[in-house]
Amino acid sequence: MRICPKCGHVDPEWWRPAAFHQHIDYAQMDVVAEFEPEIIEALKGKPAGTVVYLDPFAYWKSPKSETIRRCSIEDYKIKGKSVPQERVSHNPQHT
């Protein structure tokens, strides 16, 4: 849960910080559907990983779990999802 030091706004308790990416929060999809259905509606019919902008956050469905992830639009423009899109082998094959 995050608290704005300037205005005192407190994020809803269902948004939790991601373990390895401090600028990303996540929440269970069923909880978001109950309390913030507009996010689910915006993501409906889109493949996992597709980013939707609902000011002030960028949202996307996780491709591996039933979670919604978010970060501020400013952070997303700078850092992106911070998740590699594909694994790169560091052991080149010799032919």
PDB file of N, CA and C in Angstrom:
ATOM      1  N   MET A   1       0.849  -1.164   0.000  1.00  0.00           N
ATOM      2  CA  MET A   1       0.000   0.000   0.000  1.00  0.00           C
ATOM      3  C   MET A   1       0.902   1.237   0.000  1.00  0.00           C
ATOM      4  N   ARG A   2       0.551   2.177  -0.834  1.00  0.00           N
ATOM      5  CA  ARG A   2       1.368   3.387  -0.938  1.00  0.00           C
ATOM      6  C   ARG A   2       0.576   4.594  -0.463  1.00  0.00           C
ATOM      7  N   ILE A   3       1.294   5.529   0.141  1.00  0.00           N
ATOM      8  CA  ILE A   3       0.687   6.755   0.651  1.00  0.00           C
ATOM      9  C   ILE A   3       1.431   7.935   0.035  1.00  0.00           C
ATOM     10  N   CYS A   4       0.689   8.866  -0.551  1.00  0.00           N
ATOM     11  CA  CYS A   4       1.302  10.047  -1.145  1.00  0.00           C
ATOM     12  C   CYS A   4       1.743  10.990  -0.025  1.00  0.00           C
ATOM     13  N   PRO A   5       3.023  11.361  -0.013  1.00  0.00           N
ATOM     14  CA  PRO A   5       3.503  12.257   1.043  1.00  0.00           C
ATOM     15  C   PRO A   5       2.969  13.685   0.910  1.00  0.00           C
ATOM     16  N   LYS A   6       2.532  14.066  -0.293  1.00  0.00           N
ATOM     17  CA  LYS A   6       2.040  15.428  -0.503  1.00  0.00           C
ATOM     18  C   LYS A   6       0.577  15.593  -0.120  1.00  0.00           C
ATOM     19  N   CYS A   7      -0.274  14.686  -0.647  1.00  0.00           N
ATOM     20  CA  CYS A   7      -1.718  14.868  -0.427  1.00  0.00           C
ATOM     21  C   CYS A   7      -2.314  13.877   0.558  1.00  0.00           C
ATOM     22  N   GLY A   8      -1.559  12.823   0.908  1.00  0.00           N
ATOM     23  CA  GLY A   8      -2.058  11.845   1.862  1.00  0.00           C
ATOM     24  C   GLY A   8      -2.938  10.764   1.272  1.00  0.00           C
ATOM     25  N   HIS A   9      -3.081  10.734  -0.072  1.00  0.00           N
ATOM     26  CA  HIS A   9      -3.892   9.694  -0.713  1.00  0.00           C
ATOM     27  C   HIS A   9      -3.316   8.316  -0.381  1.00  0.00           C
ATOM     28  N   VAL A  10      -4.195   7.390  -0.013  1.00  0.00           N
ATOM     29  CA  VAL A  10      -3.786   6.023   0.305  1.00  0.00           C
ATOM     30  C   VAL A  10      -4.330   5.097  -0.772  1.00  0.00           C
ATOM     31  N   ASP A  11      -3.443   4.314  -1.395  1.00  0.00           N
ATOM     32  CA  ASP A  11      -3.883   3.337  -2.395  1.00  0.00           C
ATOM     33  C   ASP A  11      -4.755   2.283  -1.742  1.00  0.00           C
ATOM     34  N   PRO A  12      -5.710   1.731  -2.471  1.00  0.00           N
ATOM     35  CA  PRO A  12      -6.518   0.647  -1.921  1.00  0.00           C
ATOM     36  C   PRO A  12      -5.639  -0.527  -1.498  1.00  0.00           C
ATOM     37  N   GLU A  13      -6.080  -1.235  -0.479  1.00  0.00           N
ATOM     38  CA  GLU A  13      -5.275  -2.305   0.119  1.00  0.00           C
ATOM     39  C   GLU A  13      -5.025  -3.482  -0.814  1.00  0.00           C
ATOM     40  N   TRP A  14      -5.838  -3.653  -1.874  1.00  0.00           N
ATOM     41  CA  TRP A  14      -5.643  -4.798  -2.756  1.00  0.00           C
ATOM     42  C   TRP A  14      -4.486  -4.617  -3.722  1.00  0.00           C
ATOM     43  N   TRP A  15      -3.975  -3.411  -3.894  1.00  0.00           N
ATOM     44  CA  TRP A  15      -2.792  -3.190  -4.735  1.00  0.00           C
ATOM     45  C   TRP A  15      -1.549  -3.381  -3.879  1.00  0.00           C
ATOM     46  N   ARG A  16      -0.680  -4.309  -4.307  1.00  0.00           N
ATOM     47  CA  ARG A  16       0.535  -4.621  -3.557  1.00  0.00           C
ATOM     48  C   ARG A  16       1.765  -4.384  -4.439  1.00  0.00           C
ATOM     49  N   PRO A  17       2.856  -3.972  -3.836  1.00  0.00           N
ATOM     50  CA  PRO A  17       4.065  -3.768  -4.649  1.00  0.00           C
ATOM     51  C   PRO A  17       4.643  -5.107  -5.112  1.00  0.00           C
ATOM     52  N   ALA A  18       5.102  -5.136  -6.359  1.00  0.00           N
ATOM     53  CA  ALA A  18       5.740  -6.336  -6.897  1.00  0.00           C
ATOM     54  C   ALA A  18       7.088  -6.539  -6.210  1.00  0.00           C
ATOM     55  N   ALA A  19       7.478  -7.784  -6.074  1.00  0.00           N
ATOM     56  CA  ALA A  19       8.686  -8.125  -5.313  1.00  0.00           C
ATOM     57  C   ALA A  19       9.970  -7.547  -5.910  1.00  0.00           C
ATOM     58  N   PHE A  20      10.134  -7.633  -7.220  1.00  0.00           N
ATOM     59  CA  PHE A  20      11.404  -7.251  -7.820  1.00  0.00           C
ATOM     60  C   PHE A  20      11.361  -5.973  -8.645  1.00  0.00           C
ATOM     61  N   HIS A  21      10.175  -5.367  -8.757  1.00  0.00           N
ATOM     62  CA  HIS A  21      10.022  -4.141  -9.542  1.00  0.00           C
ATOM     63  C   HIS A  21       9.250  -3.140  -8.690  1.00  0.00           C
ATOM     64  N   GLN A  22       9.961  -2.258  -8.034  1.00  0.00           N
ATOM     65  CA  GLN A  22       9.343  -1.365  -7.056  1.00  0.00           C
ATOM     66  C   GLN A  22       8.346  -0.394  -7.654  1.00  0.00           C
ATOM     67  N   HIS A  23       8.418  -0.142  -8.946  1.00  0.00           N
ATOM     68  CA  HIS A  23       7.488   0.799  -9.560  1.00  0.00           C
ATOM     69  C   HIS A  23       6.200   0.126 -10.031  1.00  0.00           C
ATOM     70  N   ILE A  24       6.099  -1.201  -9.886  1.00  0.00           N
ATOM     71  CA  ILE A  24       4.924  -1.948 -10.337  1.00  0.00           C
ATOM     72  C   ILE A  24       4.131  -2.468  -9.142  1.00  0.00           C
ATOM     73  N   ASP A  25       2.804  -2.345  -9.226  1.00  0.00           N
ATOM     74  CA  ASP A  25       1.889  -2.925  -8.242  1.00  0.00           C
ATOM     75  C   ASP A  25       1.110  -4.034  -8.932  1.00  0.00           C
ATOM     76  N   TYR A  26       0.564  -4.947  -8.140  1.00  0.00           N
ATOM     77  CA  TYR A  26      -0.286  -5.988  -8.701  1.00  0.00           C
ATOM     78  C   TYR A  26      -1.472  -6.233  -7.779  1.00  0.00           C
ATOM     79  N   ALA A  27      -2.536  -6.801  -8.346  1.00  0.00           N
ATOM     80  CA  ALA A  27      -3.727  -7.167  -7.580  1.00  0.00           C
ATOM     81  C   ALA A  27      -4.371  -8.373  -8.255  1.00  0.00           C
ATOM     82  N   GLN A  28      -5.083  -9.167  -7.482  1.00  0.00           N
ATOM     83  CA  GLN A  28      -5.794 -10.318  -8.021  1.00  0.00           C
ATOM     84  C   GLN A  28      -6.920  -9.836  -8.936  1.00  0.00           C
ATOM     85  N   MET A  29      -7.098 -10.518 -10.069  1.00  0.00           N
ATOM     86  CA  MET A  29      -8.076 -10.099 -11.061  1.00  0.00           C
ATOM     87  C   MET A  29      -9.500 -10.071 -10.507  1.00  0.00           C
ATOM     88  N   ASP A  30      -9.868 -11.051  -9.685  1.00  0.00           N
ATOM     89  CA  ASP A  30     -11.233 -11.080  -9.155  1.00  0.00           C
ATOM     90  C   ASP A  30     -11.502  -9.924  -8.195  1.00  0.00           C
ATOM     91  N   VAL A  31     -10.492  -9.502  -7.458  1.00  0.00           N
ATOM     92  CA  VAL A  31     -10.653  -8.366  -6.543  1.00  0.00           C
ATOM     93  C   VAL A  31     -10.791  -7.069  -7.341  1.00  0.00           C
ATOM     94  N   VAL A  32      -9.973  -6.915  -8.366  1.00  0.00           N
ATOM     95  CA  VAL A  32     -10.074  -5.722  -9.214  1.00  0.00           C
ATOM     96  C   VAL A  32     -11.449  -5.684  -9.887  1.00  0.00           C
ATOM     97  N   ALA A  33     -11.940  -6.841 -10.338  1.00  0.00           N
ATOM     98  CA  ALA A  33     -13.262  -6.905 -10.975  1.00  0.00           C
ATOM     99  C   ALA A  33     -14.363  -6.444 -10.022  1.00  0.00           C
ATOM    100  N   GLU A  34     -14.201  -6.747  -8.745  1.00  0.00           N
ATOM    101  CA  GLU A  34     -15.209  -6.365  -7.763  1.00  0.00           C
ATOM    102  C   GLU A  34     -15.159  -4.879  -7.420  1.00  0.00           C
ATOM    103  N   PHE A  35     -13.957  -4.343  -7.214  1.00  0.00           N
ATOM    104  CA  PHE A  35     -13.817  -2.978  -6.714  1.00  0.00           C
ATOM    105  C   PHE A  35     -13.490  -1.926  -7.772  1.00  0.00           C
ATOM    106  N   GLU A  36     -12.880  -2.332  -8.888  1.00  0.00           N
ATOM    107  CA  GLU A  36     -12.524  -1.395  -9.955  1.00  0.00           C
ATOM    108  C   GLU A  36     -12.884  -2.009 -11.313  1.00  0.00           C
ATOM    109  N   PRO A  37     -14.172  -2.250 -11.559  1.00  0.00           N
ATOM    110  CA  PRO A  37     -14.575  -2.952 -12.779  1.00  0.00           C
ATOM    111  C   PRO A  37     -14.207  -2.229 -14.077  1.00  0.00           C
ATOM    112  N   GLU A  38     -13.993  -0.932 -14.017  1.00  0.00           N
ATOM    113  CA  GLU A  38     -13.624  -0.197 -15.225  1.00  0.00           C
ATOM    114  C   GLU A  38     -12.277  -0.654 -15.778  1.00  0.00           C
ATOM    115  N   ILE A  39     -11.397  -1.129 -14.915  1.00  0.00           N
ATOM    116  CA  ILE A  39     -10.097  -1.637 -15.367  1.00  0.00           C
ATOM    117  C   ILE A  39     -10.297  -2.945 -16.126  1.00  0.00           C
ATOM    118  N   ILE A  40     -11.089  -3.840 -15.569  1.00  0.00           N
ATOM    119  CA  ILE A  40     -11.370  -5.114 -16.221  1.00  0.00           C
ATOM    120  C   ILE A  40     -12.066  -4.877 -17.562  1.00  0.00           C
ATOM    121  N   GLU A  41     -12.995  -3.951 -17.588  1.00  0.00           N
ATOM    122  CA  GLU A  41     -13.717  -3.631 -18.833  1.00  0.00           C
ATOM    123  C   GLU A  41     -12.745  -3.120 -19.897  1.00  0.00           C
ATOM    124  N   ALA A  42     -11.793  -2.291 -19.506  1.00  0.00           N
ATOM    125  CA  ALA A  42     -10.817  -1.750 -20.464  1.00  0.00           C
ATOM    126  C   ALA A  42      -9.902  -2.846 -21.012  1.00  0.00           C
ATOM    127  N   LEU A  43      -9.609  -3.863 -20.195  1.00  0.00           N
ATOM    128  CA  LEU A  43      -8.719  -4.953 -20.604  1.00  0.00           C
ATOM    129  C   LEU A  43      -9.458  -6.102 -21.284  1.00  0.00           C
ATOM    130  N   LYS A  44     -10.769  -6.092 -21.216  1.00  0.00           N
ATOM    131  CA  LYS A  44     -11.591  -7.187 -21.736  1.00  0.00           C
ATOM    132  C   LYS A  44     -11.340  -7.406 -23.231  1.00  0.00           C
ATOM    133  N   GLY A  45     -11.112  -8.669 -23.581  1.00  0.00           N
ATOM    134  CA  GLY A  45     -10.905  -9.037 -24.977  1.00  0.00           C
ATOM    135  C   GLY A  45      -9.511  -8.777 -25.510  1.00  0.00           C
ATOM    136  N   LYS A  46      -8.652  -8.220 -24.697  1.00  0.00           N
ATOM    137  CA  LYS A  46      -7.283  -7.937 -25.134  1.00  0.00           C
ATOM    138  C   LYS A  46      -6.365  -9.064 -24.655  1.00  0.00           C
ATOM    139  N   PRO A  47      -5.363  -9.420 -25.439  1.00  0.00           N
ATOM    140  CA  PRO A  47      -4.442 -10.465 -24.999  1.00  0.00           C
ATOM    141  C   PRO A  47      -3.628 -10.034 -23.779  1.00  0.00           C
ATOM    142  N   ALA A  48      -3.216 -11.004 -22.987  1.00  0.00           N
ATOM    143  CA  ALA A  48      -2.385 -10.714 -21.812  1.00  0.00           C
ATOM    144  C   ALA A  48      -1.158  -9.931 -22.252  1.00  0.00           C
ATOM    145  N   GLY A  49      -0.790  -8.955 -21.455  1.00  0.00           N
ATOM    146  CA  GLY A  49       0.373  -8.130 -21.760  1.00  0.00           C
ATOM    147  C   GLY A  49       0.041  -6.839 -22.486  1.00  0.00           C
ATOM    148  N   THR A  50      -1.172  -6.738 -23.047  1.00  0.00           N
ATOM    149  CA  THR A  50      -1.584  -5.512 -23.724  1.00  0.00           C
ATOM    150  C   THR A  50      -1.787  -4.417 -22.685  1.00  0.00           C
ATOM    151  N   VAL A  51      -1.191  -3.273 -22.906  1.00  0.00           N
ATOM    152  CA  VAL A  51      -1.248  -2.174 -21.945  1.00  0.00           C
ATOM    153  C   VAL A  51      -2.421  -1.252 -22.259  1.00  0.00           C
ATOM    154  N   VAL A  52      -3.150  -0.886 -21.200  1.00  0.00           N
ATOM    155  CA  VAL A  52      -4.261   0.046 -21.294  1.00  0.00           C
ATOM    156  C   VAL A  52      -3.947   1.223 -20.381  1.00  0.00           C
ATOM    157  N   TYR A  53      -4.151   2.438 -20.866  1.00  0.00           N
ATOM    158  CA  TYR A  53      -3.877   3.638 -20.081  1.00  0.00           C
ATOM    159  C   TYR A  53      -5.175   4.202 -19.518  1.00  0.00           C
ATOM    160  N   LEU A  54      -5.285   4.224 -18.207  1.00  0.00           N
ATOM    161  CA  LEU A  54      -6.386   4.876 -17.498  1.00  0.00           C
ATOM    162  C   LEU A  54      -5.724   5.800 -16.494  1.00  0.00           C
ATOM    163  N   ASP A  55      -5.683   7.061 -16.824  1.00  0.00           N
ATOM    164  CA  ASP A  55      -4.947   8.051 -16.041  1.00  0.00           C
ATOM    165  C   ASP A  55      -5.218   7.887 -14.543  1.00  0.00           C
ATOM    166  N   PRO A  56      -4.213   7.785 -13.714  1.00  0.00           N
ATOM    167  CA  PRO A  56      -2.794   8.034 -13.933  1.00  0.00           C
ATOM    168  C   PRO A  56      -1.951   6.775 -14.103  1.00  0.00           C
ATOM    169  N   PHE A  57      -2.589   5.608 -14.363  1.00  0.00           N
ATOM    170  CA  PHE A  57      -1.841   4.353 -14.420  1.00  0.00           C
ATOM    171  C   PHE A  57      -1.918   3.675 -15.778  1.00  0.00           C
ATOM    172  N   ALA A  58      -0.903   2.847 -16.049  1.00  0.00           N
ATOM    173  CA  ALA A  58      -0.907   1.909 -17.165  1.00  0.00           C
ATOM    174  C   ALA A  58      -1.198   0.540 -16.556  1.00  0.00           C
ATOM    175  N   TYR A  59      -2.141  -0.202 -17.128  1.00  0.00           N
ATOM    176  CA  TYR A  59      -2.552  -1.511 -16.608  1.00  0.00           C
ATOM    177  C   TYR A  59      -2.340  -2.585 -17.658  1.00  0.00           C
ATOM    178  N   TRP A  60      -2.037  -3.811 -17.220  1.00  0.00           N
ATOM    179  CA  TRP A  60      -1.964  -4.959 -18.110  1.00  0.00           C
ATOM    180  C   TRP A  60      -2.215  -6.231 -17.328  1.00  0.00           C
ATOM    181  N   LYS A  61      -2.727  -7.253 -18.044  1.00  0.00           N
ATOM    182  CA  LYS A  61      -2.941  -8.568 -17.449  1.00  0.00           C
ATOM    183  C   LYS A  61      -1.629  -9.323 -17.492  1.00  0.00           C
ATOM    184  N   SER A  62      -1.329 -10.005 -16.408  1.00  0.00           N
ATOM    185  CA  SER A  62      -0.134 -10.831 -16.380  1.00  0.00           C
ATOM    186  C   SER A  62      -0.359 -12.054 -17.266  1.00  0.00           C
ATOM    187  N   PRO A  63       0.626 -12.418 -18.089  1.00  0.00           N
ATOM    188  CA  PRO A  63       0.452 -13.597 -18.941  1.00  0.00           C
ATOM    189  C   PRO A  63       0.561 -14.916 -18.183  1.00  0.00           C
ATOM    190  N   LYS A  64       1.089 -14.897 -16.965  1.00  0.00           N
ATOM    191  CA  LYS A  64       1.328 -16.147 -16.237  1.00  0.00           C
ATOM    192  C   LYS A  64       0.441 -16.358 -15.025  1.00  0.00           C
ATOM    193  N   SER A  65      -0.336 -15.373 -14.632  1.00  0.00           N
ATOM    194  CA  SER A  65      -1.171 -15.534 -13.442  1.00  0.00           C
ATOM    195  C   SER A  65      -2.446 -14.722 -13.595  1.00  0.00           C
ATOM    196  N   GLU A  66      -3.357 -14.909 -12.677  1.00  0.00           N
ATOM    197  CA  GLU A  66      -4.626 -14.186 -12.691  1.00  0.00           C
ATOM    198  C   GLU A  66      -4.486 -12.859 -11.942  1.00  0.00           C
ATOM    199  N   THR A  67      -3.533 -12.052 -12.380  1.00  0.00           N
ATOM    200  CA  THR A  67      -3.311 -10.763 -11.742  1.00  0.00           C
ATOM    201  C   THR A  67      -3.336  -9.640 -12.772  1.00  0.00           C
ATOM    202  N   ILE A  68      -3.640  -8.466 -12.268  1.00  0.00           N
ATOM    203  CA  ILE A  68      -3.540  -7.233 -13.043  1.00  0.00           C
ATOM    204  C   ILE A  68      -2.342  -6.484 -12.484  1.00  0.00           C
ATOM    205  N   ARG A  69      -1.530  -5.951 -13.356  1.00  0.00           N
ATOM    206  CA  ARG A  69      -0.364  -5.178 -12.932  1.00  0.00           C
ATOM    207  C   ARG A  69      -0.561  -3.731 -13.358  1.00  0.00           C
ATOM    208  N   ARG A  70       0.062  -2.831 -12.618  1.00  0.00           N
ATOM    209  CA  ARG A  70      -0.042  -1.410 -12.950  1.00  0.00           C
ATOM    210  C   ARG A  70       1.217  -0.682 -12.536  1.00  0.00           C
ATOM    211  N   CYS A  71       1.451   0.440 -13.193  1.00  0.00           N
ATOM    212  CA  CYS A  71       2.459   1.399 -12.757  1.00  0.00           C
ATOM    213  C   CYS A  71       2.022   2.751 -13.304  1.00  0.00           C
ATOM    214  N   SER A  72       2.615   3.800 -12.811  1.00  0.00           N
ATOM    215  CA  SER A  72       2.227   5.127 -13.306  1.00  0.00           C
ATOM    216  C   SER A  72       2.591   5.221 -14.786  1.00  0.00           C
ATOM    217  N   ILE A  73       1.836   6.003 -15.502  1.00  0.00           N
ATOM    218  CA  ILE A  73       2.096   6.167 -16.931  1.00  0.00           C
ATOM    219  C   ILE A  73       3.504   6.718 -17.151  1.00  0.00           C
ATOM    220  N   GLU A  74       3.941   7.635 -16.297  1.00  0.00           N
ATOM    221  CA  GLU A  74       5.290   8.198 -16.427  1.00  0.00           C
ATOM    222  C   GLU A  74       6.351   7.110 -16.253  1.00  0.00           C
ATOM    223  N   ASP A  75       6.189   6.258 -15.236  1.00  0.00           N
ATOM    224  CA  ASP A  75       7.143   5.163 -15.031  1.00  0.00           C
ATOM    225  C   ASP A  75       7.111   4.183 -16.197  1.00  0.00           C
ATOM    226  N   TYR A  76       5.915   3.897 -16.698  1.00  0.00           N
ATOM    227  CA  TYR A  76       5.809   2.955 -17.811  1.00  0.00           C
ATOM    228  C   TYR A  76       6.547   3.479 -19.041  1.00  0.00           C
ATOM    229  N   LYS A  77       6.431   4.769 -19.315  1.00  0.00           N
ATOM    230  CA  LYS A  77       7.106   5.348 -20.477  1.00  0.00           C
ATOM    231  C   LYS A  77       8.623   5.270 -20.336  1.00  0.00           C
ATOM    232  N   ILE A  78       9.113   5.353 -19.101  1.00  0.00           N
ATOM    233  CA  ILE A  78      10.552   5.313 -18.866  1.00  0.00           C
ATOM    234  C   ILE A  78      11.068   3.886 -18.726  1.00  0.00           C
ATOM    235  N   LYS A  79      10.403   3.091 -17.888  1.00  0.00           N
ATOM    236  CA  LYS A  79      10.910   1.770 -17.521  1.00  0.00           C
ATOM    237  C   LYS A  79      10.194   0.609 -18.182  1.00  0.00           C
ATOM    238  N   GLY A  80       8.994   0.827 -18.681  1.00  0.00           N
ATOM    239  CA  GLY A  80       8.212  -0.264 -19.253  1.00  0.00           C
ATOM    240  C   GLY A  80       7.765  -1.222 -18.164  1.00  0.00           C
ATOM    241  N   LYS A  81       7.519  -2.451 -18.558  1.00  0.00           N
ATOM    242  CA  LYS A  81       7.064  -3.464 -17.612  1.00  0.00           C
ATOM    243  C   LYS A  81       8.218  -4.060 -16.818  1.00  0.00           C
ATOM    244  N   SER A  82       9.434  -3.816 -17.264  1.00  0.00           N
ATOM    245  CA  SER A  82      10.626  -4.369 -16.633  1.00  0.00           C
ATOM    246  C   SER A  82      10.607  -5.887 -16.598  1.00  0.00           C
ATOM    247  N   VAL A  83       9.951  -6.475 -17.580  1.00  0.00           N
ATOM    248  CA  VAL A  83       9.895  -7.930 -17.680  1.00  0.00           C
ATOM    249  C   VAL A  83      10.381  -8.295 -19.071  1.00  0.00           C
ATOM    250  N   PRO A  84      11.386  -9.178 -19.172  1.00  0.00           N
ATOM    251  CA  PRO A  84      11.881  -9.525 -20.502  1.00  0.00           C
ATOM    252  C   PRO A  84      10.796 -10.192 -21.336  1.00  0.00           C
ATOM    253  N   GLN A  85      10.693  -9.822 -22.608  1.00  0.00           N
ATOM    254  CA  GLN A  85       9.682 -10.383 -23.487  1.00  0.00           C
ATOM    255  C   GLN A  85      10.067 -11.784 -23.965  1.00  0.00           C
ATOM    256  N   GLU A  86      11.335 -12.077 -23.993  1.00  0.00           N
ATOM    257  CA  GLU A  86      11.786 -13.411 -24.367  1.00  0.00           C
ATOM    258  C   GLU A  86      13.111 -13.677 -23.670  1.00  0.00           C
ATOM    259  N   ARG A  87      13.371 -14.925 -23.452  1.00  0.00           N
ATOM    260  CA  ARG A  87      14.630 -15.282 -22.807  1.00  0.00           C
ATOM    261  C   ARG A  87      15.724 -15.358 -23.868  1.00  0.00           C
ATOM    262  N   VAL A  88      16.855 -14.816 -23.535  1.00  0.00           N
ATOM    263  CA  VAL A  88      17.971 -14.808 -24.462  1.00  0.00           C
ATOM    264  C   VAL A  88      19.028 -15.754 -23.916  1.00  0.00           C
ATOM    265  N   SER A  89      19.465 -16.670 -24.742  1.00  0.00           N
ATOM    266  CA  SER A  89      20.488 -17.614 -24.323  1.00  0.00           C
ATOM    267  C   SER A  89      21.853 -16.925 -24.348  1.00  0.00           C
ATOM    268  N   HIS A  90      22.581 -17.086 -23.285  1.00  0.00           N
ATOM    269  CA  HIS A  90      23.922 -16.519 -23.226  1.00  0.00           C
ATOM    270  C   HIS A  90      24.977 -17.546 -23.575  1.00  0.00           C
ATOM    271  N   ASN A  91      24.540 -18.710 -23.998  1.00  0.00           N
ATOM    272  CA  ASN A  91      25.434 -19.765 -24.445  1.00  0.00           C
ATOM    273  C   ASN A  91      25.197 -20.020 -25.933  1.00  0.00           C
ATOM    274  N   PRO A  92      25.903 -19.288 -26.777  1.00  0.00           N
ATOM    275  CA  PRO A  92      25.671 -19.467 -28.217  1.00  0.00           C
ATOM    276  C   PRO A  92      26.019 -20.879 -28.656  1.00  0.00           C
ATOM    277  N   GLN A  93      25.220 -21.390 -29.588  1.00  0.00           N
ATOM    278  CA  GLN A  93      25.493 -22.727 -30.118  1.00  0.00           C
ATOM    279  C   GLN A  93      26.546 -22.626 -31.197  1.00  0.00           C
ATOM    280  N   HIS A  94      27.501 -23.559 -31.142  1.00  0.00           N
ATOM    281  CA  HIS A  94      28.559 -23.586 -32.151  1.00  0.00           C
ATOM    282  C   HIS A  94      28.155 -24.576 -33.234  1.00  0.00           C
ATOM    283  N   THR A  95      28.296 -24.204 -34.468  1.00  0.00           N
ATOM    284  CA  THR A  95      27.954 -25.113 -35.555  1.00  0.00           C
ATOM    285  C   THR A  95      29.186 -25.552 -36.297  1.00  0.00           C
TER     286      THR A  95
END
